[in-house]
């Protein structure tokens, strides 16, 4: 369904194989990889990144590449910014100037509404046009956050890329504003560099309604 716009010769999957071959893990092996694309391309939901992370973990495990955690993370970082984040299926926050990855052990049952406006945002284009980067500030003890504190923390944060995205695509700004004024909505914003918009709600009923 979402395969349109994917370059079959150059994508996160081919990058994984290229980097592993470059390190001589594979020489003559060929692979046939089929991906069921349930996450829209260019939505900012990390679909391509998670595909690459899953493949990297799979090959390391099933083909006994014996890559340690730091080696896998280094390869993942060469594929894309979000790939190291998706190496583990846990609640994750990026903190500090260098985007330190913090894995949270808590399972937060958040009521999240996701709206995909059928717009493909180019991450490279959005980052290139962005001139503002918020300086890191003092942070609470993120490891001990409960649900209420987490929501308040996220509400106080912002996405520097949002102004650039809404300037290019005013429709996205209208969706964010529409979600924001719904009953029970704590906050709304774009995901990553867009184009998907999210809203965090107080309960499932208000999110659905």
Protein backbone atom coordinates (compact mmCIF):
# COMPACT_ATOMS: atom_id res chain seq x y z
CA UNK A 1 0.00 0.00 0.00
CA UNK A 2 2.76 2.46 0.89
CA UNK A 3 5.44 1.23 -1.52
CA UNK A 4 5.13 4.25 -3.81
CA UNK A 5 8.15 6.52 -3.54
CA UNK A 6 10.50 3.83 -2.21
CA UNK A 7 13.76 3.59 -4.14
CA UNK A 8 14.31 -0.17 -4.50
CA UNK A 9 18.01 0.27 -5.19
CA UNK A 10 18.75 2.71 -2.36
CA UNK A 11 16.87 2.44 0.93
CA UNK A 12 17.47 1.51 4.55
CA UNK A 13 17.49 -2.22 3.76
CA UNK A 14 20.06 -1.96 0.97
CA UNK A 15 22.17 0.26 3.23
CA UNK A 16 22.26 -2.47 5.90
CA UNK A 17 23.47 -5.03 3.36
CA UNK A 18 25.97 -2.61 1.84
CA UNK A 19 27.56 -1.78 5.21
CA UNK A 20 27.76 -5.45 6.24
CA UNK A 21 29.30 -6.41 2.90
CA UNK A 22 31.74 -3.53 3.23
CA UNK A 23 32.87 -5.09 6.52
CA UNK A 24 33.30 -8.46 4.74
CA UNK A 25 30.49 -10.22 6.65
CA UNK A 26 28.98 -11.23 3.31
CA UNK A 27 30.77 -11.78 0.03
CA UNK A 28 28.73 -13.77 -2.46
CA UNK A 29 25.48 -14.25 -0.54
CA UNK A 30 22.32 -12.88 -2.10
CA UNK A 31 19.11 -12.11 -0.22
CA UNK A 32 15.48 -11.81 -1.16
CA UNK A 33 13.74 -9.56 1.34
CA UNK A 34 10.03 -8.78 1.25
CA UNK A 35 8.63 -5.98 3.41
CA UNK A 36 4.98 -5.49 4.23
CA UNK A 37 4.86 -1.71 4.28
CA UNK A 38 2.24 -0.82 6.92
CA UNK A 39 3.83 2.50 7.91
CA UNK A 40 3.61 5.29 5.30
CA UNK A 41 6.81 6.47 3.67
CA UNK A 42 7.72 10.03 4.67
CA UNK A 43 5.37 10.09 7.66
CA UNK A 44 8.01 10.58 10.35
CA UNK A 45 6.97 7.37 12.13
CA UNK A 46 10.30 5.60 11.67
CA UNK A 47 9.05 2.80 9.41
CA UNK A 48 12.18 2.56 7.29
CA UNK A 49 14.39 2.91 10.35
CA UNK A 50 12.68 0.07 12.19
CA UNK A 51 12.89 -2.11 9.06
CA UNK A 52 16.66 -1.59 8.99
CA UNK A 53 17.05 -2.19 12.73
CA UNK A 54 15.05 -5.43 12.58
CA UNK A 55 17.10 -6.71 9.65
CA UNK A 56 20.36 -5.79 11.36
CA UNK A 57 19.32 -7.60 14.56
CA UNK A 58 18.06 -10.60 12.59
CA UNK A 59 21.24 -11.05 10.54
CA UNK A 60 23.43 -10.58 13.59
CA UNK A 61 21.50 -13.30 15.42
CA UNK A 62 20.71 -15.83 12.70
CA UNK A 63 23.98 -15.57 10.80
CA UNK A 64 26.17 -15.29 13.91
CA UNK A 65 27.88 -12.05 12.93
CA UNK A 66 28.90 -11.63 16.58
CA UNK A 67 28.50 -7.87 16.54
CA UNK A 68 28.41 -6.38 20.03
CA UNK A 69 26.00 -3.66 21.10
CA UNK A 70 28.33 -0.77 20.27
CA UNK A 71 29.20 -2.21 16.84
CA UNK A 72 25.54 -2.65 15.94
CA UNK A 73 24.75 0.87 17.13
CA UNK A 74 27.62 2.29 15.04
CA UNK A 75 26.41 0.55 11.88
CA UNK A 76 22.84 1.64 12.61
CA UNK A 77 23.90 5.29 12.98
CA UNK A 78 25.39 5.20 9.45
CA UNK A 79 22.03 4.10 8.04
CA UNK A 80 19.90 6.81 9.60
CA UNK A 81 19.45 8.94 12.71
CA UNK A 82 16.45 6.95 14.01
CA UNK A 83 17.85 3.46 13.36
CA UNK A 84 19.77 3.16 16.68
CA UNK A 85 16.59 4.24 18.49
CA UNK A 86 14.60 1.34 17.02
CA UNK A 87 17.19 -1.37 17.74
CA UNK A 88 15.24 -2.21 20.90
CA UNK A 89 11.46 -2.41 21.23
CA UNK A 90 11.18 -0.33 24.38
CA UNK A 91 9.83 3.08 25.34
CA UNK A 92 12.61 5.46 24.38
CA UNK A 93 13.48 9.10 24.85
CA UNK A 94 16.27 11.08 23.19
CA UNK A 95 17.88 13.47 25.64
CA UNK A 96 20.62 16.09 25.62
CA UNK A 97 22.49 17.80 22.81
CA UNK A 98 23.86 14.59 21.32
CA UNK A 99 20.55 12.74 21.38
CA UNK A 100 21.44 10.26 24.11
CA UNK A 101 19.15 7.23 23.90
CA UNK A 102 17.34 6.51 27.15
CA UNK A 103 15.36 3.27 27.43
CA UNK A 104 12.46 3.37 29.88
CA UNK A 105 11.38 0.24 31.71
CA UNK A 106 7.90 1.57 32.42
CA UNK A 107 5.02 0.74 30.08
CA UNK A 108 2.90 3.86 29.69
CA UNK A 109 -0.60 3.30 28.37
CA UNK A 110 -0.94 6.46 26.34
CA UNK A 111 -3.99 7.18 24.18
CA UNK A 112 -2.46 8.36 20.92
CA UNK A 113 -4.32 9.57 17.85
CA UNK A 114 -2.25 9.49 14.65
CA UNK A 115 -3.34 11.33 11.51
CA UNK A 116 -1.46 10.75 8.27
CA UNK A 117 -2.29 13.54 5.78
CA UNK A 118 -1.01 11.66 2.70
CA UNK A 119 1.96 14.00 2.41
CA UNK A 120 5.53 12.73 2.04
CA UNK A 121 7.99 14.91 3.97
CA UNK A 122 11.62 14.78 2.95
CA UNK A 123 13.64 14.59 6.17
CA UNK A 124 16.71 15.96 4.37
CA UNK A 125 14.74 18.92 3.00
CA UNK A 126 13.13 19.77 6.35
CA UNK A 127 16.40 19.61 8.30
CA UNK A 128 18.16 21.70 5.65
CA UNK A 129 15.58 24.48 5.93
CA UNK A 130 15.44 24.44 9.74
CA UNK A 131 17.45 27.27 11.32
CA UNK A 132 16.43 26.80 14.96
CA UNK A 133 17.71 24.20 17.40
CA UNK A 134 16.48 24.46 20.97
CA UNK A 135 19.28 24.32 23.53
CA UNK A 136 19.15 21.46 26.01
CA UNK A 137 17.71 22.35 29.41
CA UNK A 138 17.61 20.82 32.84
CA UNK A 139 15.62 17.60 32.86
CA UNK A 140 13.76 15.67 35.53
CA UNK A 141 14.78 12.17 36.54
CA UNK A 142 13.41 10.57 33.39
CA UNK A 143 13.91 7.03 34.65
CA UNK A 144 11.45 7.58 37.50
CA UNK A 145 8.71 9.25 35.48
CA UNK A 146 5.11 8.20 36.03
CA UNK A 147 2.45 8.72 33.36
CA UNK A 148 1.38 12.16 34.58
CA UNK A 149 4.95 13.45 34.84
CA UNK A 150 5.80 12.03 31.41
CA UNK A 151 2.85 13.83 29.78
CA UNK A 152 3.76 17.09 31.50
CA UNK A 153 7.38 16.69 30.40
CA UNK A 154 6.37 16.03 26.78
CA UNK A 155 3.95 18.99 26.85
CA UNK A 156 6.81 21.28 27.88
CA UNK A 157 8.96 20.04 24.99
CA UNK A 158 8.61 21.13 21.36
CA UNK A 159 9.59 19.99 17.89
CA UNK A 160 11.90 22.52 16.24
CA UNK A 161 11.04 21.14 12.81
CA UNK A 162 7.32 21.84 13.13
CA UNK A 163 7.46 25.47 11.94
CA UNK A 164 9.38 24.46 8.81
CA UNK A 165 6.98 21.61 8.03
CA UNK A 166 3.83 23.73 8.49
CA UNK A 167 5.35 26.48 6.35
CA UNK A 168 5.85 24.04 3.46
CA UNK A 169 2.58 22.21 4.13
CA UNK A 170 -0.09 24.47 5.73
CA UNK A 171 -2.50 21.52 5.74
CA UNK A 172 -0.37 19.85 8.42
CA UNK A 173 -0.59 22.94 10.62
CA UNK A 174 -4.39 22.90 10.32
CA UNK A 175 -4.51 19.24 11.36
CA UNK A 176 -2.31 19.90 14.41
CA UNK A 177 -4.56 22.79 15.46
CA UNK A 178 -7.71 20.73 14.92
CA UNK A 179 -6.40 17.88 17.08
CA UNK A 180 -5.29 20.32 19.77
CA UNK A 181 -8.78 21.76 20.38
CA UNK A 182 -10.48 18.37 20.78
CA UNK A 183 -11.83 17.48 24.21
CA UNK A 184 -9.33 15.58 26.34
CA UNK A 185 -6.30 16.39 24.19
CA UNK A 186 -3.17 17.13 26.23
CA UNK A 187 -1.12 18.31 23.26
CA UNK A 188 -0.54 17.74 19.55
CA UNK A 189 2.41 18.06 17.18
CA UNK A 190 4.10 16.45 14.19
CA UNK A 191 6.10 13.25 14.50
CA UNK A 192 9.79 13.68 13.71
CA UNK A 193 10.12 15.68 10.50
CA UNK A 194 6.49 14.93 9.58
CA UNK A 195 4.14 14.41 8.00
CA UNK A 196 2.07 12.42 10.50
CA UNK A 197 0.41 14.40 13.28
CA UNK A 198 -0.24 13.04 16.75
CA UNK A 199 -2.42 13.93 19.70
CA UNK A 200 -2.14 12.54 23.23
CA UNK A 201 -5.55 12.15 24.85
CA UNK A 202 -6.80 11.61 28.39
CA UNK A 203 -8.81 8.53 27.40
CA UNK A 204 -9.60 6.28 24.44
CA UNK A 205 -13.17 7.52 24.05
CA UNK A 206 -12.20 11.15 23.43
CA UNK A 207 -9.42 10.08 21.05
CA UNK A 208 -11.85 8.00 18.98
CA UNK A 209 -14.63 10.58 19.05
